[in-house]
Structure formats: structure tokens, C-alpha cells
Amino acid sequence: MSADTPPVRDVDAAIREALSPRPQPKPAGVVTAVLTFAWRALLKIKHMPEQLFDVVVTPIMFTVLFTYLFGGALAGSTDAYLQFLLPGILVQSVVFTSVYSGLTLNTDISKGIYDRFRSLPVWSLSPVLGTMAGDVIRYTVSSVIVFLIGFAMGYRAEAGIVGIVAVILLLDLFAAGLSWVFTTLALLVRTPSTVMTLGWMVLMPLTFASNVFVDPATMPPWLQTIVAYNPVALLVTAARAILDGAPAAGPVMAALIAPVVVTAVFGPVTMMLYRRER
């Protein structure tokens, strides 16, 4: 036996050690798993920046176009109309962005990625909740962009930074609740384009049949009744009150009724559909 050859007993010991059972690593906790999938959602935006196109371009387009095209006719001046319009554009932008939760979920399912996630030793719903948590960043970015373009155009929030932060939090809560509708839709249809089309069919009437662009007092009585119960209109009213420095518990609570109800109804439905065999 060569001097460089290890003794047989050492080789046998090494083999026994390699084949001996070892303790399995602990599965990731629920919070850790959700945050990991949220980070994954943000990394997808980093590698596919075109996903931010609607988040960035749409708010700027609506704010600039509506202010300068219709401001003089609707409010007498662009400055006065901007003070009225900007809270509505905030709501519209965040509500439009909520559809991406369903779009992203359906895209990953159609590619088979979520089948791989089911094989991981993590809580089964953490990929869905992680994606939705990552989308909260989209909502916040959309709100910040609207505020920045509004400030550049002359908008002033009477409530200051505290009111701005409060409105952003309110918008994030509303959009997070509303997104359950689109995650349920994503689990029922086959293609991402269908999710987007059906999502717009829901969101367009909600946003335009509201007080986002005009005072409901100028509308026909039957439409005023619809606007009075429109969740988007209730959210706009709450946002305007907060930014004007006159927040009230009533409008804020009314604005949160819809996302709470939607979460209570569509949250369990999403979980049931996600856990079933596809």
C-alpha cells in the first residue's frame, strides 16, 4: 500500500459518516417565506422594468392631460382643478395597479412555476401572499409618482407630510383588499390577457362613474345615487378630506368597508382555488 493511500478504516469511517442520517433543516417560517416571495416579486420588476410602465406613465398622463385640457372648463382654472383632481388620480392609479396581483399570479401558474412552489417545504399560500405583499410596493410607488408630478404642477396638500403618508397607507390598504378579486380571477381563467381584460371591465366603470374627475352634483340623479355607493368614490372623498387637513373617521371607515368585505369574501375563495388540483 502506498504511503499516500489512506487506511481502510479511515475510508470506511468517512463512508459511514456520509451515509449516516442527518437532521433535516427546519422549514422556513410563514413570515420568512412570505417576505422571500415578496422580494422575488420585486426582483421581477428589476429584471423586467417594463412592468412599471403603467405605474409610472399612466398617472403622469392622466394628471397632466386632464388638468390642462379640462381644468379651465371644469373649475375655472388649472390650479383649482388640480387641487380637486389629484386625490382622485391617486385613487385611480392605485386601483388600476391592483389588477397586477392577478396578472402576475396567472402568468406564473401558466408557466408552471407555482407547481414547483408547491413542492417546497413552505406554507402553501406564501407564494400568493408574497406576491401581493410585493405589489404593495407598486401601489406606494404609484402614489409617490402622482404626488411628485402634482407638486411640480403646483398642487399643495394642506395636511402636510402626515396627511400624505396617511393617504398612501389608506390607498395601500384599499388596493390590497381589492386585489383579492383579481387573484380569484387569475385562478379561474387560462391566460394573463383574460385577467387584464376582465379586470379593466371591472375597474373602468368603478373609476369613471365616480367623483374622480367631476363633482357628482353635476350628474343625473340616478348616476349620483350610484356614485354615492361607489367604493372608489368613497375612497376619493376620504383622501380629499385627509389632504385638505379635515380628516374625519366617517369617510375613512366608509372607504375601508369595501376592501374588508372583498377580503372576507374573495380571500377564502382564492385560497380554496389555489389549493385545489389544477
C-alpha atoms as a PDB file:
ATOM      1  CA  MET A   1       0.000   0.000   0.000  1.00  0.00           C
ATOM      2  CA  SER A   2       1.325   3.410  -0.950  1.00  0.00           C
ATOM      3  CA  ALA A   3       2.240   5.874   1.750  1.00  0.00           C
ATOM      4  CA  ASP A   4      -0.281   8.337   0.268  1.00  0.00           C
ATOM      5  CA  THR A   5      -3.210   5.864   0.424  1.00  0.00           C
ATOM      6  CA  PRO A   6      -5.435   6.454   3.491  1.00  0.00           C
ATOM      7  CA  PRO A   7      -6.005   3.481   5.784  1.00  0.00           C
ATOM      8  CA  VAL A   8      -9.039   1.351   5.016  1.00  0.00           C
ATOM      9  CA  ARG A   9     -10.583   2.087   8.394  1.00  0.00           C
ATOM     10  CA  ASP A  10     -10.465   5.837   7.651  1.00  0.00           C
ATOM     11  CA  VAL A  11     -12.221   5.307   4.315  1.00  0.00           C
ATOM     12  CA  ASP A  12     -14.906   3.164   5.952  1.00  0.00           C
ATOM     13  CA  ALA A  13     -15.436   5.797   8.641  1.00  0.00           C
ATOM     14  CA  ALA A  14     -15.809   8.521   6.035  1.00  0.00           C
ATOM     15  CA  ILE A  15     -18.368   6.453   4.107  1.00  0.00           C
ATOM     16  CA  ARG A  16     -20.366   5.701   7.251  1.00  0.00           C
ATOM     17  CA  GLU A  17     -20.367   9.379   8.178  1.00  0.00           C
ATOM     18  CA  ALA A  18     -21.551  10.405   4.696  1.00  0.00           C
ATOM     19  CA  LEU A  19     -24.367   7.845   4.747  1.00  0.00           C
ATOM     20  CA  SER A  20     -25.471   8.455   8.303  1.00  0.00           C
ATOM     21  CA  PRO A  21     -28.857  10.206   8.706  1.00  0.00           C
ATOM     22  CA  ARG A  22     -28.648  13.881   9.385  1.00  0.00           C
ATOM     23  CA  PRO A  23     -31.251  16.213  10.874  1.00  0.00           C
ATOM     24  CA  GLN A  24     -33.389  17.891   8.230  1.00  0.00           C
ATOM     25  CA  PRO A  25     -33.197  21.698   8.066  1.00  0.00           C
ATOM     26  CA  LYS A  26     -36.191  23.447   9.579  1.00  0.00           C
ATOM     27  CA  PRO A  27     -38.726  24.732   7.048  1.00  0.00           C
ATOM     28  CA  ALA A  28     -38.868  28.478   6.636  1.00  0.00           C
ATOM     29  CA  GLY A  29     -41.352  30.243   8.873  1.00  0.00           C
ATOM     30  CA  VAL A  30     -44.510  31.770   7.460  1.00  0.00           C
ATOM     31  CA  VAL A  31     -43.266  35.362   7.708  1.00  0.00           C
ATOM     32  CA  THR A  32     -39.879  34.488   6.227  1.00  0.00           C
ATOM     33  CA  ALA A  33     -41.464  32.626   3.313  1.00  0.00           C
ATOM     34  CA  VAL A  34     -43.908  35.455   2.544  1.00  0.00           C
ATOM     35  CA  LEU A  35     -41.141  38.063   2.640  1.00  0.00           C
ATOM     36  CA  THR A  36     -38.966  35.888   0.392  1.00  0.00           C
ATOM     37  CA  PHE A  37     -41.680  35.672  -2.247  1.00  0.00           C
ATOM     38  CA  ALA A  38     -42.325  39.401  -1.880  1.00  0.00           C
ATOM     39  CA  TRP A  39     -38.648  40.010  -2.611  1.00  0.00           C
ATOM     40  CA  ARG A  40     -38.969  37.722  -5.632  1.00  0.00           C
ATOM     41  CA  ALA A  41     -41.814  39.910  -6.922  1.00  0.00           C
ATOM     42  CA  LEU A  42     -39.609  42.988  -6.590  1.00  0.00           C
ATOM     43  CA  LEU A  43     -36.707  41.270  -8.347  1.00  0.00           C
ATOM     44  CA  LYS A  44     -39.015  40.507 -11.282  1.00  0.00           C
ATOM     45  CA  ILE A  45     -39.641  44.244 -11.614  1.00  0.00           C
ATOM     46  CA  LYS A  46     -35.890  44.857 -11.520  1.00  0.00           C
ATOM     47  CA  HIS A  47     -35.273  42.412 -14.381  1.00  0.00           C
ATOM     48  CA  MET A  48     -38.433  43.446 -16.274  1.00  0.00           C
ATOM     49  CA  PRO A  49     -38.677  47.225 -15.764  1.00  0.00           C
ATOM     50  CA  GLU A  50     -41.421  47.446 -18.375  1.00  0.00           C
ATOM     51  CA  GLN A  51     -43.757  46.192 -15.624  1.00  0.00           C
ATOM     52  CA  LEU A  52     -43.517  49.672 -14.110  1.00  0.00           C
ATOM     53  CA  PHE A  53     -44.725  51.313 -17.322  1.00  0.00           C
ATOM     54  CA  ASP A  54     -48.349  51.604 -16.216  1.00  0.00           C
ATOM     55  CA  VAL A  55     -47.308  52.545 -12.683  1.00  0.00           C
ATOM     56  CA  VAL A  56     -45.182  55.443 -13.954  1.00  0.00           C
ATOM     57  CA  VAL A  57     -46.676  56.612 -17.238  1.00  0.00           C
ATOM     58  CA  THR A  58     -50.435  56.310 -16.607  1.00  0.00           C
ATOM     59  CA  PRO A  59     -50.542  58.585 -13.515  1.00  0.00           C
ATOM     60  CA  ILE A  60     -48.457  61.243 -15.240  1.00  0.00           C
ATOM     61  CA  MET A  61     -50.561  61.090 -18.400  1.00  0.00           C
ATOM     62  CA  PHE A  62     -53.905  61.393 -16.612  1.00  0.00           C
ATOM     63  CA  THR A  63     -52.730  64.136 -14.266  1.00  0.00           C
ATOM     64  CA  VAL A  64     -51.208  66.329 -16.976  1.00  0.00           C
ATOM     65  CA  LEU A  65     -53.834  65.773 -19.661  1.00  0.00           C
ATOM     66  CA  PHE A  66     -56.932  66.221 -17.505  1.00  0.00           C
ATOM     67  CA  THR A  67     -55.523  69.220 -15.650  1.00  0.00           C
ATOM     68  CA  TYR A  68     -54.520  71.221 -18.697  1.00  0.00           C
ATOM     69  CA  LEU A  69     -57.260  70.051 -21.069  1.00  0.00           C
ATOM     70  CA  PHE A  70     -60.284  70.255 -18.778  1.00  0.00           C
ATOM     71  CA  GLY A  71     -59.163  72.297 -15.778  1.00  0.00           C
ATOM     72  CA  GLY A  72     -60.231  75.668 -17.129  1.00  0.00           C
ATOM     73  CA  ALA A  73     -63.608  74.406 -18.313  1.00  0.00           C
ATOM     74  CA  LEU A  74     -64.481  72.407 -15.181  1.00  0.00           C
ATOM     75  CA  ALA A  75     -63.063  74.550 -12.388  1.00  0.00           C
ATOM     76  CA  GLY A  76     -62.274  77.930 -13.900  1.00  0.00           C
ATOM     77  CA  SER A  77     -58.502  77.447 -13.675  1.00  0.00           C
ATOM     78  CA  THR A  78     -55.988  74.637 -13.896  1.00  0.00           C
ATOM     79  CA  ASP A  79     -54.720  75.344 -10.375  1.00  0.00           C
ATOM     80  CA  ALA A  80     -58.168  74.993  -8.819  1.00  0.00           C
ATOM     81  CA  TYR A  81     -58.897  71.833 -10.792  1.00  0.00           C
ATOM     82  CA  LEU A  82     -55.557  70.275  -9.830  1.00  0.00           C
ATOM     83  CA  GLN A  83     -56.450  70.646  -6.140  1.00  0.00           C
ATOM     84  CA  PHE A  84     -59.680  68.766  -6.855  1.00  0.00           C
ATOM     85  CA  LEU A  85     -58.261  66.240  -9.324  1.00  0.00           C
ATOM     86  CA  LEU A  86     -55.071  64.983  -7.712  1.00  0.00           C
ATOM     87  CA  PRO A  87     -56.646  62.929  -4.880  1.00  0.00           C
ATOM     88  CA  GLY A  88     -58.867  61.280  -7.490  1.00  0.00           C
ATOM     89  CA  ILE A  89     -55.889  60.477  -9.717  1.00  0.00           C
ATOM     90  CA  LEU A  90     -54.158  58.954  -6.689  1.00  0.00           C
ATOM     91  CA  VAL A  91     -57.075  56.611  -6.176  1.00  0.00           C
ATOM     92  CA  GLN A  92     -57.436  55.801  -9.858  1.00  0.00           C
ATOM     93  CA  SER A  93     -53.741  54.973 -10.255  1.00  0.00           C
ATOM     94  CA  VAL A  94     -53.614  52.642  -7.266  1.00  0.00           C
ATOM     95  CA  VAL A  95     -56.896  50.927  -8.181  1.00  0.00           C
ATOM     96  CA  PHE A  96     -55.649  50.322 -11.726  1.00  0.00           C
ATOM     97  CA  THR A  97     -52.407  48.870 -10.349  1.00  0.00           C
ATOM     98  CA  SER A  98     -54.254  46.321  -8.185  1.00  0.00           C
ATOM     99  CA  VAL A  99     -55.011  44.178 -11.239  1.00  0.00           C
ATOM    100  CA  TYR A 100     -51.332  43.197 -11.456  1.00  0.00           C
ATOM    101  CA  SER A 101     -51.667  40.822  -8.491  1.00  0.00           C
ATOM    102  CA  GLY A 102     -53.918  38.617 -10.583  1.00  0.00           C
ATOM    103  CA  LEU A 103     -51.901  39.140 -13.751  1.00  0.00           C
ATOM    104  CA  THR A 104     -48.649  38.065 -12.086  1.00  0.00           C
ATOM    105  CA  LEU A 105     -50.264  35.064 -10.410  1.00  0.00           C
ATOM    106  CA  ASN A 106     -51.845  33.814 -13.629  1.00  0.00           C
ATOM    107  CA  THR A 107     -48.581  34.284 -15.548  1.00  0.00           C
ATOM    108  CA  ASP A 108     -46.625  32.191 -13.058  1.00  0.00           C
ATOM    109  CA  ILE A 109     -49.294  29.484 -12.978  1.00  0.00           C
ATOM    110  CA  SER A 110     -49.438  29.281 -16.772  1.00  0.00           C
ATOM    111  CA  LYS A 111     -45.646  28.783 -16.846  1.00  0.00           C
ATOM    112  CA  GLY A 112     -45.748  26.006 -14.228  1.00  0.00           C
ATOM    113  CA  ILE A 113     -43.760  27.984 -11.679  1.00  0.00           C
ATOM    114  CA  TYR A 114     -46.355  27.631  -8.925  1.00  0.00           C
ATOM    115  CA  ASP A 115     -46.333  23.836  -9.357  1.00  0.00           C
ATOM    116  CA  ARG A 116     -42.689  23.960  -8.310  1.00  0.00           C
ATOM    117  CA  PHE A 117     -43.513  26.185  -5.363  1.00  0.00           C
ATOM    118  CA  ARG A 118     -45.985  23.594  -4.073  1.00  0.00           C
ATOM    119  CA  SER A 119     -43.127  21.090  -3.730  1.00  0.00           C
ATOM    120  CA  LEU A 120     -41.177  23.414  -1.405  1.00  0.00           C
ATOM    121  CA  PRO A 121     -41.317  22.905   2.392  1.00  0.00           C
ATOM    122  CA  VAL A 122     -43.065  26.243   2.953  1.00  0.00           C
ATOM    123  CA  TRP A 123     -46.591  27.303   3.795  1.00  0.00           C
ATOM    124  CA  SER A 124     -48.608  26.592   0.661  1.00  0.00           C
ATOM    125  CA  LEU A 125     -50.121  30.084   0.414  1.00  0.00           C
ATOM    126  CA  SER A 126     -46.892  32.015   0.942  1.00  0.00           C
ATOM    127  CA  PRO A 127     -46.248  32.441  -2.833  1.00  0.00           C
ATOM    128  CA  VAL A 128     -49.645  34.129  -3.282  1.00  0.00           C
ATOM    129  CA  LEU A 129     -49.378  36.338  -0.216  1.00  0.00           C
ATOM    130  CA  GLY A 130     -45.758  37.157  -1.026  1.00  0.00           C
ATOM    131  CA  THR A 131     -46.715  38.343  -4.500  1.00  0.00           C
ATOM    132  CA  MET A 132     -49.477  40.505  -3.053  1.00  0.00           C
ATOM    133  CA  ALA A 133     -47.103  41.926  -0.430  1.00  0.00           C
ATOM    134  CA  GLY A 134     -44.645  42.837  -3.176  1.00  0.00           C
ATOM    135  CA  ASP A 135     -47.427  44.587  -5.063  1.00  0.00           C
ATOM    136  CA  VAL A 136     -47.876  46.962  -2.136  1.00  0.00           C
ATOM    137  CA  ILE A 137     -44.599  48.494  -3.301  1.00  0.00           C
ATOM    138  CA  ARG A 138     -46.241  49.123  -6.682  1.00  0.00           C
ATOM    139  CA  TYR A 139     -49.112  50.941  -5.000  1.00  0.00           C
ATOM    140  CA  THR A 140     -46.752  53.079  -2.948  1.00  0.00           C
ATOM    141  CA  VAL A 141     -44.580  53.929  -5.953  1.00  0.00           C
ATOM    142  CA  SER A 142     -47.658  54.881  -7.969  1.00  0.00           C
ATOM    143  CA  SER A 143     -48.865  57.202  -5.178  1.00  0.00           C
ATOM    144  CA  VAL A 144     -45.459  58.840  -4.768  1.00  0.00           C
ATOM    145  CA  ILE A 145     -45.230  59.489  -8.507  1.00  0.00           C
ATOM    146  CA  VAL A 146     -48.647  61.176  -8.532  1.00  0.00           C
ATOM    147  CA  PHE A 147     -47.661  63.383  -5.605  1.00  0.00           C
ATOM    148  CA  LEU A 148     -44.362  64.336  -7.245  1.00  0.00           C
ATOM    149  CA  ILE A 149     -45.949  65.318 -10.556  1.00  0.00           C
ATOM    150  CA  GLY A 150     -48.705  67.134  -8.664  1.00  0.00           C
ATOM    151  CA  PHE A 151     -46.219  69.147  -6.613  1.00  0.00           C
ATOM    152  CA  ALA A 152     -44.335  70.016  -9.791  1.00  0.00           C
ATOM    153  CA  MET A 153     -47.582  71.320 -11.287  1.00  0.00           C
ATOM    154  CA  GLY A 154     -48.486  73.374  -8.218  1.00  0.00           C
ATOM    155  CA  TYR A 155     -50.551  71.068  -6.008  1.00  0.00           C
ATOM    156  CA  ARG A 156     -50.377  71.734  -2.269  1.00  0.00           C
ATOM    157  CA  ALA A 157     -51.543  69.387   0.473  1.00  0.00           C
ATOM    158  CA  GLU A 158     -52.911  71.323   3.439  1.00  0.00           C
ATOM    159  CA  ALA A 159     -52.322  68.343   5.735  1.00  0.00           C
ATOM    160  CA  GLY A 160     -48.578  68.253   5.017  1.00  0.00           C
ATOM    161  CA  ILE A 161     -46.404  65.154   5.143  1.00  0.00           C
ATOM    162  CA  VAL A 162     -48.532  63.485   7.817  1.00  0.00           C
ATOM    163  CA  GLY A 163     -51.617  63.680   5.610  1.00  0.00           C
ATOM    164  CA  ILE A 164     -49.675  62.429   2.589  1.00  0.00           C
ATOM    165  CA  VAL A 165     -48.405  59.379   4.481  1.00  0.00           C
ATOM    166  CA  ALA A 166     -51.896  58.703   5.868  1.00  0.00           C
ATOM    167  CA  VAL A 167     -53.419  58.791   2.370  1.00  0.00           C
ATOM    168  CA  ILE A 168     -50.755  56.460   0.967  1.00  0.00           C
ATOM    169  CA  LEU A 169     -51.428  53.954   3.757  1.00  0.00           C
ATOM    170  CA  LEU A 170     -55.168  54.183   3.136  1.00  0.00           C
ATOM    171  CA  LEU A 171     -54.664  53.617  -0.593  1.00  0.00           C
ATOM    172  CA  ASP A 172     -52.381  50.627   0.055  1.00  0.00           C
ATOM    173  CA  LEU A 173     -54.993  49.024   2.322  1.00  0.00           C
ATOM    174  CA  PHE A 174     -57.761  49.576  -0.211  1.00  0.00           C
ATOM    175  CA  ALA A 175     -55.754  48.203  -3.145  1.00  0.00           C
ATOM    176  CA  ALA A 176     -54.512  45.199  -1.163  1.00  0.00           C
ATOM    177  CA  GLY A 177     -58.104  44.286  -0.339  1.00  0.00           C
ATOM    178  CA  LEU A 178     -59.323  44.872  -3.884  1.00  0.00           C
ATOM    179  CA  SER A 179     -56.534  42.708  -5.336  1.00  0.00           C
ATOM    180  CA  TRP A 180     -58.215  39.579  -3.908  1.00  0.00           C
ATOM    181  CA  VAL A 181     -60.801  39.916  -6.680  1.00  0.00           C
ATOM    182  CA  PHE A 182     -58.083  39.614  -9.294  1.00  0.00           C
ATOM    183  CA  THR A 183     -56.232  36.739  -7.614  1.00  0.00           C
ATOM    184  CA  THR A 184     -59.511  34.812  -7.646  1.00  0.00           C
ATOM    185  CA  LEU A 185     -59.985  35.739 -11.286  1.00  0.00           C
ATOM    186  CA  ALA A 186     -56.428  34.610 -12.060  1.00  0.00           C
ATOM    187  CA  LEU A 187     -57.223  31.130 -10.733  1.00  0.00           C
ATOM    188  CA  LEU A 188     -60.386  30.827 -12.837  1.00  0.00           C
ATOM    189  CA  VAL A 189     -59.202  31.901 -16.307  1.00  0.00           C
ATOM    190  CA  ARG A 190     -56.500  30.494 -18.519  1.00  0.00           C
ATOM    191  CA  THR A 191     -54.455  33.428 -19.797  1.00  0.00           C
ATOM    192  CA  PRO A 192     -52.982  36.638 -18.356  1.00  0.00           C
ATOM    193  CA  SER A 193     -54.600  38.661 -21.143  1.00  0.00           C
ATOM    194  CA  THR A 194     -58.019  37.464 -19.995  1.00  0.00           C
ATOM    195  CA  VAL A 195     -57.244  38.592 -16.453  1.00  0.00           C
ATOM    196  CA  MET A 196     -56.287  42.028 -17.749  1.00  0.00           C
ATOM    197  CA  THR A 197     -59.353  42.355 -20.000  1.00  0.00           C
ATOM    198  CA  LEU A 198     -61.841  41.306 -17.325  1.00  0.00           C
ATOM    199  CA  GLY A 199     -60.029  43.434 -14.768  1.00  0.00           C
ATOM    200  CA  TRP A 200     -60.426  46.550 -16.879  1.00  0.00           C
ATOM    201  CA  MET A 201     -64.104  45.738 -17.370  1.00  0.00           C
ATOM    202  CA  VAL A 202     -64.477  45.988 -13.585  1.00  0.00           C
ATOM    203  CA  LEU A 203     -62.165  48.922 -12.935  1.00  0.00           C
ATOM    204  CA  MET A 204     -63.158  51.315 -15.708  1.00  0.00           C
ATOM    205  CA  PRO A 205     -66.808  51.729 -14.607  1.00  0.00           C
ATOM    206  CA  LEU A 206     -65.734  51.996 -10.959  1.00  0.00           C
ATOM    207  CA  THR A 207     -63.278  54.799 -11.616  1.00  0.00           C
ATOM    208  CA  PHE A 208     -65.137  56.826 -14.241  1.00  0.00           C
ATOM    209  CA  ALA A 209     -68.597  56.550 -12.623  1.00  0.00           C
ATOM    210  CA  SER A 210     -67.238  58.287  -9.537  1.00  0.00           C
ATOM    211  CA  ASN A 211     -66.127  61.655  -8.233  1.00  0.00           C
ATOM    212  CA  VAL A 212     -62.562  61.309  -9.517  1.00  0.00           C
ATOM    213  CA  PHE A 213     -62.902  63.861 -12.330  1.00  0.00           C
ATOM    214  CA  VAL A 214     -66.058  65.872 -11.659  1.00  0.00           C
ATOM    215  CA  ASP A 215     -68.387  66.832  -8.839  1.00  0.00           C
ATOM    216  CA  PRO A 216     -71.280  64.317  -8.710  1.00  0.00           C
ATOM    217  CA  ALA A 217     -73.692  67.252  -8.234  1.00  0.00           C
ATOM    218  CA  THR A 218     -73.414  67.861 -11.989  1.00  0.00           C
ATOM    219  CA  MET A 219     -74.560  64.316 -12.807  1.00  0.00           C
ATOM    220  CA  PRO A 220     -78.098  62.976 -13.385  1.00  0.00           C
ATOM    221  CA  PRO A 221     -79.851  61.877 -10.168  1.00  0.00           C
ATOM    222  CA  TRP A 222     -79.664  58.153 -10.969  1.00  0.00           C
ATOM    223  CA  LEU A 223     -75.908  58.418 -11.513  1.00  0.00           C
ATOM    224  CA  GLN A 224     -75.472  60.427  -8.310  1.00  0.00           C
ATOM    225  CA  THR A 225     -77.050  57.511  -6.441  1.00  0.00           C
ATOM    226  CA  ILE A 226     -74.564  55.091  -7.987  1.00  0.00           C
ATOM    227  CA  VAL A 227     -71.628  57.350  -7.169  1.00  0.00           C
ATOM    228  CA  ALA A 228     -72.803  57.709  -3.568  1.00  0.00           C
ATOM    229  CA  TYR A 229     -72.294  53.958  -3.042  1.00  0.00           C
ATOM    230  CA  ASN A 230     -69.285  53.501  -5.320  1.00  0.00           C
ATOM    231  CA  PRO A 231     -66.306  52.273  -3.203  1.00  0.00           C
ATOM    232  CA  VAL A 232     -63.890  54.256  -5.361  1.00  0.00           C
ATOM    233  CA  ALA A 233     -65.889  57.459  -4.804  1.00  0.00           C
ATOM    234  CA  LEU A 234     -65.909  56.824  -1.053  1.00  0.00           C
ATOM    235  CA  LEU A 235     -62.134  56.420  -1.121  1.00  0.00           C
ATOM    236  CA  VAL A 236     -61.692  59.629  -3.116  1.00  0.00           C
ATOM    237  CA  THR A 237     -63.843  61.520  -0.614  1.00  0.00           C
ATOM    238  CA  ALA A 238     -61.731  60.224   2.285  1.00  0.00           C
ATOM    239  CA  ALA A 239     -58.465  61.068   0.500  1.00  0.00           C
ATOM    240  CA  ARG A 240     -59.605  64.610  -0.289  1.00  0.00           C
ATOM    241  CA  ALA A 241     -60.674  65.180   3.314  1.00  0.00           C
ATOM    242  CA  ILE A 242     -57.332  63.978   4.673  1.00  0.00           C
ATOM    243  CA  LEU A 243     -55.224  66.006   2.232  1.00  0.00           C
ATOM    244  CA  ASP A 244     -57.339  69.111   2.859  1.00  0.00           C
ATOM    245  CA  GLY A 245     -56.492  68.853   6.538  1.00  0.00           C
ATOM    246  CA  ALA A 246     -60.025  67.942   7.592  1.00  0.00           C
ATOM    247  CA  PRO A 247     -59.932  64.178   8.182  1.00  0.00           C
ATOM    248  CA  ALA A 248     -62.995  62.502   9.645  1.00  0.00           C
ATOM    249  CA  ALA A 249     -63.488  58.965  10.858  1.00  0.00           C
ATOM    250  CA  GLY A 250     -66.727  58.538   8.903  1.00  0.00           C
ATOM    251  CA  PRO A 251     -65.326  58.849   5.347  1.00  0.00           C
ATOM    252  CA  VAL A 252     -62.261  56.763   6.220  1.00  0.00           C
ATOM    253  CA  MET A 253     -64.342  53.946   7.706  1.00  0.00           C
ATOM    254  CA  ALA A 254     -66.712  54.073   4.735  1.00  0.00           C
ATOM    255  CA  ALA A 255     -63.738  53.786   2.363  1.00  0.00           C
ATOM    256  CA  LEU A 256     -62.470  50.685   4.186  1.00  0.00           C
ATOM    257  CA  ILE A 257     -65.772  48.795   4.102  1.00  0.00           C
ATOM    258  CA  ALA A 258     -65.268  47.583   0.521  1.00  0.00           C
ATOM    259  CA  PRO A 259     -61.735  46.157   0.941  1.00  0.00           C
ATOM    260  CA  VAL A 260     -62.735  44.431   4.188  1.00  0.00           C
ATOM    261  CA  VAL A 261     -65.777  42.827   2.549  1.00  0.00           C
ATOM    262  CA  VAL A 262     -63.812  41.864  -0.568  1.00  0.00           C
ATOM    263  CA  THR A 263     -61.058  40.275   1.532  1.00  0.00           C
ATOM    264  CA  ALA A 264     -63.596  38.349   3.621  1.00  0.00           C
ATOM    265  CA  VAL A 265     -65.327  37.012   0.508  1.00  0.00           C
ATOM    266  CA  PHE A 266     -62.580  36.552  -2.082  1.00  0.00           C
ATOM    267  CA  GLY A 267     -59.670  35.744   0.260  1.00  0.00           C
ATOM    268  CA  PRO A 268     -61.024  32.295   1.222  1.00  0.00           C
ATOM    269  CA  VAL A 269     -62.108  31.676  -2.369  1.00  0.00           C
ATOM    270  CA  THR A 270     -58.593  32.385  -3.610  1.00  0.00           C
ATOM    271  CA  MET A 271     -57.113  30.038  -1.002  1.00  0.00           C
ATOM    272  CA  MET A 272     -59.556  27.262  -1.900  1.00  0.00           C
ATOM    273  CA  LEU A 273     -58.908  27.598  -5.632  1.00  0.00           C
ATOM    274  CA  TYR A 274     -55.146  27.730  -5.145  1.00  0.00           C
ATOM    275  CA  ARG A 275     -55.074  24.570  -3.045  1.00  0.00           C
ATOM    276  CA  ARG A 276     -57.195  22.515  -5.412  1.00  0.00           C
ATOM    277  CA  GLU A 277     -55.665  20.358  -8.096  1.00  0.00           C
ATOM    278  CA  ARG A 278     -55.339  22.278 -11.321  1.00  0.00           C
END
